[in-house]
Amino acid sequence: MGVVKNDTFEILQHLGLTCTQTKIYLALLEVDESPVKTISKISGIDRAEVYRKISSLLKLGLIEKILGVPIKFKAVPVED
């Protein structure tokens, strides 16, 4: 993990995100938009766990759901 990514990780956790939520959010920042399968591969988090955490990130407004087949998710930049 690079220095900037490491700093971002620490800031997001300081703001109250769990380690898993932070990894998912950072994975989405890397790929723009992605289905859960890809998020799981990039973040190294089990697919079932990604599904469990996605709803909390949606409620926090940190990610958006993109309807389609498959459903994809996109990170909302923190500035927004």
Protein backbone atom coordinates (compact mmCIF):
# COMPACT_ATOMS: atom_id res chain seq x y z
CA MET A 1 0.00 0.00 0.00
CA GLY A 2 1.45 3.36 -1.04
CA VAL A 3 1.95 6.31 1.32
CA VAL A 4 -1.01 8.29 -0.09
CA LYS A 5 -3.28 5.24 0.00
CA ASN A 6 -2.06 4.47 3.51
CA ASP A 7 -2.86 8.04 4.64
CA THR A 8 -6.31 7.85 3.02
CA PHE A 9 -6.91 4.51 4.74
CA GLU A 10 -6.09 6.01 8.14
CA ILE A 11 -8.22 9.12 7.52
CA LEU A 12 -11.26 7.06 6.52
CA GLN A 13 -10.90 4.87 9.59
CA HIS A 14 -10.55 7.95 11.76
CA LEU A 15 -13.85 9.17 10.28
CA GLY A 16 -15.52 5.99 11.53
CA LEU A 17 -15.31 3.48 8.69
CA THR A 18 -14.38 -0.07 9.54
CA CYS A 19 -11.31 -1.67 8.00
CA THR A 20 -13.53 -3.65 5.62
CA GLN A 21 -15.58 -0.61 4.57
CA THR A 22 -12.39 1.33 3.94
CA LYS A 23 -10.87 -1.41 1.77
CA ILE A 24 -14.06 -1.65 -0.30
CA TYR A 25 -14.24 2.12 -0.76
CA LEU A 26 -10.57 2.36 -1.79
CA ALA A 27 -11.02 -0.55 -4.22
CA LEU A 28 -13.89 1.31 -5.87
CA LEU A 29 -11.81 4.47 -6.13
CA GLU A 30 -9.25 2.45 -8.10
CA VAL A 31 -11.66 1.03 -10.69
CA ASP A 32 -14.34 3.72 -11.05
CA GLU A 33 -17.33 1.36 -11.20
CA SER A 34 -17.42 -2.35 -10.63
CA PRO A 35 -19.57 -5.38 -9.75
CA VAL A 36 -19.14 -7.03 -6.35
CA LYS A 37 -17.05 -9.86 -7.84
CA THR A 38 -14.37 -7.39 -8.98
CA ILE A 39 -14.55 -5.38 -5.75
CA SER A 40 -13.91 -8.63 -3.87
CA LYS A 41 -10.84 -9.45 -5.98
CA ILE A 42 -9.31 -5.98 -5.73
CA SER A 43 -9.95 -5.52 -2.00
CA GLY A 44 -9.09 -9.08 -1.01
CA ILE A 45 -12.38 -9.33 0.90
CA ASP A 46 -14.69 -12.32 0.58
CA ARG A 47 -17.58 -11.64 -1.81
CA ALA A 48 -20.24 -12.38 0.84
CA GLU A 49 -18.61 -9.84 3.18
CA VAL A 50 -18.55 -7.22 0.40
CA TYR A 51 -22.30 -7.74 -0.09
CA ARG A 52 -22.85 -7.26 3.66
CA LYS A 53 -20.85 -4.00 3.80
CA ILE A 54 -22.15 -2.42 0.56
CA SER A 55 -25.46 -1.36 2.16
CA SER A 56 -23.71 0.57 4.93
CA LEU A 57 -21.54 2.42 2.39
CA LEU A 58 -24.66 3.24 0.35
CA LYS A 59 -26.38 4.64 3.47
CA LEU A 60 -23.33 6.78 4.24
CA GLY A 61 -23.45 8.16 0.70
CA LEU A 62 -19.90 6.99 -0.05
CA ILE A 63 -20.90 4.80 -2.97
CA GLU A 64 -23.61 4.76 -5.62
CA LYS A 65 -25.49 1.78 -7.05
CA ILE A 66 -25.55 1.56 -10.86
CA LEU A 67 -28.46 -0.54 -12.06
CA GLY A 68 -27.75 -3.02 -14.80
CA VAL A 69 -26.72 -6.62 -15.24
CA PRO A 70 -24.64 -7.09 -13.21
CA ILE A 71 -25.34 -4.35 -10.69
CA LYS A 72 -22.26 -2.19 -10.27
CA PHE A 73 -21.12 0.21 -7.61
CA LYS A 74 -19.16 3.43 -7.85
CA ALA A 75 -17.30 5.41 -5.18
CA VAL A 76 -18.46 8.94 -4.54
CA PRO A 77 -15.40 11.18 -4.08
CA VAL A 78 -15.10 12.36 -0.47
CA GLU A 79 -15.16 16.01 -1.63
CA ASP A 80 -18.75 15.47 -2.85
